[in-house]
Amino acid sequence: MTVVILKWTGSLLRLLSNIVPVVAHWVDPDFDPSLPTFYYVRVIEIPTPRWTAYDAKFFNVSMPEGTKMTVQDRAYTSPVWYTP
């Protein structure tokens, strides 16, 4: 399996201006063409500011210690089904 890891490297504007396609090719080593199966992809998105970070910036306040300032969402693709 090929795993591609992207790391947050700075501003969103810089990230968007340097977009390159992310492509991976994977071959299932246990694939049996006589059996039904399905595949899907799970990804972890880059950390983004949480609403608490926006409020702290807008109101120019410090948030209490332990307040989460970022969120890291997950995404899932629709499954691809294989039926012999």
N, C-alpha and C. Protein backbone atom coordinates (compact mmCIF):
# COMPACT_ATOMS: atom_id res chain seq x y z
N MET A 1 0.84 -1.17 0.00
CA MET A 1 0.00 0.00 0.00
C MET A 1 0.89 1.23 0.00
N THR A 2 0.50 2.23 -0.75
CA THR A 2 1.20 3.50 -0.79
C THR A 2 0.47 4.49 0.11
N VAL A 3 1.17 5.09 1.04
CA VAL A 3 0.59 6.07 1.95
C VAL A 3 1.21 7.42 1.63
N VAL A 4 0.37 8.41 1.40
CA VAL A 4 0.85 9.76 1.12
C VAL A 4 0.51 10.62 2.32
N ILE A 5 1.50 11.27 2.89
CA ILE A 5 1.29 12.12 4.06
C ILE A 5 1.59 13.57 3.68
N LEU A 6 0.61 14.43 3.85
CA LEU A 6 0.79 15.86 3.62
C LEU A 6 0.84 16.56 4.97
N LYS A 7 1.78 17.44 5.16
CA LYS A 7 1.89 18.17 6.42
C LYS A 7 1.55 19.63 6.21
N TRP A 8 0.94 20.23 7.19
CA TRP A 8 0.60 21.65 7.16
C TRP A 8 1.91 22.41 7.22
N THR A 9 2.14 23.25 6.21
CA THR A 9 3.43 23.94 6.12
C THR A 9 3.33 25.45 6.26
N GLY A 10 2.17 25.97 6.54
CA GLY A 10 2.08 27.41 6.68
C GLY A 10 0.69 27.91 6.36
N SER A 11 0.65 29.06 5.73
CA SER A 11 -0.65 29.69 5.49
C SER A 11 -1.46 28.92 4.45
N LEU A 12 -2.75 29.00 4.57
CA LEU A 12 -3.65 28.33 3.63
C LEU A 12 -3.45 28.89 2.23
N LEU A 13 -3.20 30.18 2.13
CA LEU A 13 -2.98 30.79 0.82
C LEU A 13 -1.76 30.18 0.13
N ARG A 14 -0.68 30.02 0.86
CA ARG A 14 0.52 29.42 0.29
C ARG A 14 0.24 27.97 -0.09
N LEU A 15 -0.51 27.27 0.74
CA LEU A 15 -0.85 25.88 0.45
C LEU A 15 -1.67 25.78 -0.83
N LEU A 16 -2.67 26.65 -0.97
CA LEU A 16 -3.53 26.62 -2.15
C LEU A 16 -2.78 27.04 -3.42
N SER A 17 -1.80 27.91 -3.29
CA SER A 17 -1.08 28.36 -4.47
C SER A 17 -0.10 27.32 -4.99
N ASN A 18 0.19 26.30 -4.18
CA ASN A 18 1.14 25.26 -4.58
C ASN A 18 0.47 23.90 -4.69
N ILE A 19 -0.78 23.88 -5.07
CA ILE A 19 -1.51 22.61 -5.14
C ILE A 19 -0.93 21.72 -6.23
N VAL A 20 -0.68 20.50 -5.86
CA VAL A 20 -0.29 19.47 -6.83
C VAL A 20 -1.21 18.28 -6.61
N PRO A 21 -1.53 17.55 -7.64
CA PRO A 21 -2.40 16.39 -7.46
C PRO A 21 -1.73 15.35 -6.56
N VAL A 22 -2.52 14.74 -5.70
CA VAL A 22 -2.04 13.66 -4.86
C VAL A 22 -2.65 12.38 -5.41
N VAL A 23 -1.81 11.50 -5.88
CA VAL A 23 -2.28 10.28 -6.51
C VAL A 23 -1.57 9.10 -5.86
N ALA A 24 -2.32 8.06 -5.59
CA ALA A 24 -1.74 6.84 -5.04
C ALA A 24 -2.29 5.65 -5.80
N HIS A 25 -1.47 4.65 -5.95
CA HIS A 25 -1.88 3.41 -6.60
C HIS A 25 -1.69 2.29 -5.60
N TRP A 26 -2.71 1.48 -5.43
CA TRP A 26 -2.64 0.40 -4.45
C TRP A 26 -3.16 -0.88 -5.07
N VAL A 27 -2.49 -1.98 -4.81
CA VAL A 27 -2.91 -3.29 -5.28
C VAL A 27 -3.15 -4.15 -4.05
N ASP A 28 -4.33 -4.73 -3.96
CA ASP A 28 -4.68 -5.59 -2.82
C ASP A 28 -3.95 -6.92 -2.96
N PRO A 29 -3.00 -7.20 -2.06
CA PRO A 29 -2.24 -8.44 -2.16
C PRO A 29 -3.10 -9.68 -1.86
N ASP A 30 -4.23 -9.50 -1.20
CA ASP A 30 -5.10 -10.62 -0.85
C ASP A 30 -6.32 -10.73 -1.75
N PHE A 31 -6.34 -9.99 -2.85
CA PHE A 31 -7.51 -9.99 -3.73
C PHE A 31 -7.76 -11.37 -4.30
N ASP A 32 -9.01 -11.82 -4.18
CA ASP A 32 -9.45 -13.10 -4.75
C ASP A 32 -10.61 -12.78 -5.67
N PRO A 33 -10.43 -12.91 -7.00
CA PRO A 33 -11.49 -12.52 -7.93
C PRO A 33 -12.76 -13.34 -7.80
N SER A 34 -12.73 -14.43 -7.05
CA SER A 34 -13.93 -15.24 -6.88
C SER A 34 -14.80 -14.77 -5.70
N LEU A 35 -14.31 -13.82 -4.93
CA LEU A 35 -15.03 -13.34 -3.75
C LEU A 35 -15.49 -11.90 -3.93
N PRO A 36 -16.70 -11.56 -3.45
CA PRO A 36 -17.12 -10.16 -3.48
C PRO A 36 -16.32 -9.36 -2.44
N THR A 37 -16.10 -8.11 -2.72
CA THR A 37 -15.36 -7.25 -1.79
C THR A 37 -15.71 -5.80 -2.04
N PHE A 38 -15.25 -4.93 -1.17
CA PHE A 38 -15.41 -3.49 -1.40
C PHE A 38 -14.19 -2.76 -0.86
N TYR A 39 -13.96 -1.58 -1.40
CA TYR A 39 -12.83 -0.75 -0.99
C TYR A 39 -13.33 0.68 -0.78
N TYR A 40 -12.67 1.37 0.14
CA TYR A 40 -12.95 2.79 0.34
C TYR A 40 -11.68 3.43 0.90
N VAL A 41 -11.63 4.74 0.87
CA VAL A 41 -10.46 5.47 1.34
C VAL A 41 -10.86 6.35 2.50
N ARG A 42 -10.01 6.38 3.52
CA ARG A 42 -10.18 7.29 4.65
C ARG A 42 -9.00 8.25 4.64
N VAL A 43 -9.28 9.52 4.87
CA VAL A 43 -8.21 10.52 4.92
C VAL A 43 -8.36 11.37 6.17
N ILE A 44 -7.25 11.89 6.62
CA ILE A 44 -7.23 12.85 7.73
C ILE A 44 -6.84 14.19 7.12
N GLU A 45 -7.69 15.17 7.29
CA GLU A 45 -7.44 16.48 6.71
C GLU A 45 -6.42 17.25 7.55
N ILE A 46 -5.84 18.29 6.94
CA ILE A 46 -4.88 19.12 7.68
C ILE A 46 -5.59 19.83 8.82
N PRO A 47 -4.91 20.07 9.93
CA PRO A 47 -5.55 20.80 11.04
C PRO A 47 -5.96 22.20 10.59
N THR A 48 -7.15 22.61 10.99
CA THR A 48 -7.65 23.94 10.67
C THR A 48 -8.11 24.63 11.96
N PRO A 49 -8.18 25.96 11.95
CA PRO A 49 -8.60 26.67 13.16
C PRO A 49 -10.03 26.28 13.57
N ARG A 50 -10.20 26.08 14.86
CA ARG A 50 -11.52 25.80 15.44
C ARG A 50 -12.20 27.14 15.74
N TRP A 51 -13.49 27.12 16.00
CA TRP A 51 -14.23 28.36 16.27
C TRP A 51 -13.62 29.12 17.44
N THR A 52 -13.02 28.40 18.39
CA THR A 52 -12.40 29.08 19.55
C THR A 52 -11.22 29.95 19.12
N ALA A 53 -10.49 29.51 18.10
CA ALA A 53 -9.36 30.32 17.60
C ALA A 53 -9.86 31.58 16.94
N TYR A 54 -10.94 31.47 16.16
CA TYR A 54 -11.51 32.66 15.52
C TYR A 54 -12.02 33.65 16.57
N ASP A 55 -12.69 33.14 17.60
CA ASP A 55 -13.19 34.04 18.65
C ASP A 55 -12.05 34.71 19.40
N ALA A 56 -11.00 33.95 19.73
CA ALA A 56 -9.86 34.53 20.44
C ALA A 56 -9.23 35.66 19.62
N LYS A 57 -9.10 35.46 18.32
CA LYS A 57 -8.53 36.48 17.44
C LYS A 57 -9.46 37.69 17.32
N PHE A 58 -10.76 37.43 17.08
CA PHE A 58 -11.72 38.51 16.86
C PHE A 58 -11.87 39.39 18.10
N PHE A 59 -11.98 38.73 19.28
CA PHE A 59 -12.21 39.48 20.52
C PHE A 59 -10.91 39.85 21.24
N ASN A 60 -9.76 39.46 20.65
CA ASN A 60 -8.45 39.74 21.21
C ASN A 60 -8.36 39.29 22.68
N VAL A 61 -8.71 38.03 22.91
CA VAL A 61 -8.67 37.46 24.25
C VAL A 61 -7.83 36.19 24.25
N SER A 62 -7.40 35.81 25.43
CA SER A 62 -6.69 34.54 25.60
C SER A 62 -7.69 33.51 26.07
N MET A 63 -7.65 32.36 25.47
CA MET A 63 -8.55 31.28 25.88
C MET A 63 -7.96 30.55 27.07
N PRO A 64 -8.81 29.95 27.91
CA PRO A 64 -8.31 29.20 29.06
C PRO A 64 -7.38 28.06 28.62
N GLU A 65 -6.44 27.73 29.47
CA GLU A 65 -5.51 26.65 29.19
C GLU A 65 -6.27 25.35 28.91
N GLY A 66 -5.84 24.64 27.91
CA GLY A 66 -6.49 23.39 27.54
C GLY A 66 -7.57 23.53 26.48
N THR A 67 -7.90 24.77 26.11
CA THR A 67 -8.90 25.00 25.07
C THR A 67 -8.34 24.55 23.72
N LYS A 68 -9.08 23.72 23.03
CA LYS A 68 -8.63 23.26 21.72
C LYS A 68 -8.77 24.40 20.71
N MET A 69 -7.69 24.65 19.97
CA MET A 69 -7.69 25.75 19.01
C MET A 69 -7.73 25.27 17.56
N THR A 70 -7.53 23.99 17.35
CA THR A 70 -7.60 23.44 16.00
C THR A 70 -8.48 22.19 16.00
N VAL A 71 -8.92 21.83 14.82
CA VAL A 71 -9.69 20.61 14.64
C VAL A 71 -9.11 19.89 13.43
N GLN A 72 -9.12 18.57 13.48
CA GLN A 72 -8.61 17.78 12.36
C GLN A 72 -9.72 16.82 11.93
N ASP A 73 -10.38 17.18 10.83
CA ASP A 73 -11.51 16.41 10.34
C ASP A 73 -11.06 15.17 9.58
N ARG A 74 -11.98 14.23 9.47
CA ARG A 74 -11.76 13.03 8.68
C ARG A 74 -12.72 13.01 7.51
N ALA A 75 -12.33 12.35 6.45
CA ALA A 75 -13.19 12.21 5.28
C ALA A 75 -13.15 10.77 4.81
N TYR A 76 -14.25 10.32 4.25
CA TYR A 76 -14.38 8.96 3.74
C TYR A 76 -14.94 9.01 2.33
N THR A 77 -14.44 8.14 1.48
CA THR A 77 -14.99 8.07 0.13
C THR A 77 -16.17 7.12 0.11
N SER A 78 -16.92 7.16 -0.97
CA SER A 78 -17.96 6.16 -1.19
C SER A 78 -17.27 4.84 -1.52
N PRO A 79 -17.84 3.73 -1.10
CA PRO A 79 -17.19 2.45 -1.39
C PRO A 79 -17.29 2.08 -2.87
N VAL A 80 -16.31 1.33 -3.30
CA VAL A 80 -16.30 0.74 -4.64
C VAL A 80 -16.50 -0.75 -4.42
N TRP A 81 -17.58 -1.27 -4.97
CA TRP A 81 -17.93 -2.67 -4.76
C TRP A 81 -17.45 -3.52 -5.94
N TYR A 82 -16.95 -4.70 -5.63
CA TYR A 82 -16.57 -5.67 -6.65
C TYR A 82 -17.41 -6.91 -6.44
N THR A 83 -18.12 -7.32 -7.48
CA THR A 83 -18.93 -8.54 -7.43
C THR A 83 -18.48 -9.45 -8.57
N PRO A 84 -18.07 -10.66 -8.25
CA PRO A 84 -17.62 -11.58 -9.31
C PRO A 84 -18.73 -11.92 -10.30
